[in-house]
């Protein structure tokens, strides 16, 4: 059972890496990347993932 991080209604979309979650109404006004069905990454976690990916890509070159 999760609550929306914006309006505290029942959440439908969940972030994989943190407790951020959104209801169907708030997802329209938020930046949230859906990866699989109703799970994805919030803006903060997406930035962290991109930093890690870019760091690993730079090591390979």
Protein backbone atom coordinates (compact mmCIF):
# COMPACT_ATOMS: atom_id res chain seq x y z
CA UNK A 1 0.00 0.00 0.00
CA UNK A 2 1.58 3.27 -1.17
CA UNK A 3 0.34 6.84 -1.05
CA UNK A 4 0.87 9.48 -3.71
CA UNK A 5 3.82 11.72 -2.82
CA UNK A 6 1.89 14.78 -4.07
CA UNK A 7 -1.74 14.44 -2.95
CA UNK A 8 -1.60 11.38 -0.64
CA UNK A 9 -4.28 9.41 -2.54
CA UNK A 10 -3.72 5.76 -3.42
CA UNK A 11 -0.62 5.53 -5.63
CA UNK A 12 -0.53 3.68 -8.93
CA UNK A 13 2.98 4.53 -10.21
CA UNK A 14 6.03 3.62 -8.09
CA UNK A 15 9.71 4.54 -8.35
CA UNK A 16 12.05 1.53 -8.43
CA UNK A 17 14.76 3.05 -6.25
CA UNK A 18 13.04 5.31 -3.70
CA UNK A 19 9.69 5.79 -1.97
CA UNK A 20 8.37 8.33 -4.52
CA UNK A 21 4.96 7.33 -5.89
CA UNK A 22 2.14 8.98 -7.83
CA UNK A 23 -1.57 8.50 -8.35
CA UNK A 24 -3.13 8.46 -11.82
CA UNK A 25 -4.09 12.14 -11.53
CA UNK A 26 -0.71 13.48 -10.42
CA UNK A 27 1.31 11.52 -12.99
CA UNK A 28 0.19 14.03 -15.64
CA UNK A 29 1.86 16.97 -13.90
CA UNK A 30 5.03 15.16 -12.84
CA UNK A 31 8.24 14.07 -14.51
CA UNK A 32 8.26 10.30 -14.17
CA UNK A 33 9.81 7.80 -16.56
CA UNK A 34 7.77 4.59 -16.76
CA UNK A 35 10.04 1.61 -17.36
CA UNK A 36 7.68 -1.32 -16.89
CA UNK A 37 3.92 -1.05 -16.50
CA UNK A 38 3.41 1.12 -13.39
CA UNK A 39 7.03 1.12 -12.18
CA UNK A 40 9.74 3.52 -13.24
CA UNK A 41 12.08 6.27 -12.10
CA UNK A 42 11.41 9.67 -10.58
CA UNK A 43 13.45 12.70 -11.70
CA UNK A 44 15.98 12.44 -8.86
CA UNK A 45 16.61 8.73 -9.35
CA UNK A 46 16.81 9.15 -13.12
CA UNK A 47 19.56 11.77 -12.67
CA UNK A 48 21.46 9.39 -10.41
CA UNK A 49 21.13 6.53 -12.91
CA UNK A 50 22.35 8.79 -15.73
CA UNK A 51 25.38 9.88 -13.67
CA UNK A 52 26.30 6.25 -13.00
CA UNK A 53 25.80 5.26 -16.65
CA UNK A 54 27.89 8.18 -17.92
CA UNK A 55 30.66 7.40 -15.43
CA UNK A 56 30.78 3.78 -16.60
CA UNK A 57 30.75 4.83 -20.27
CA UNK A 58 33.68 7.19 -19.69
CA UNK A 59 35.71 4.39 -18.07
CA UNK A 60 35.30 2.21 -21.17
CA UNK A 61 36.78 4.88 -23.49
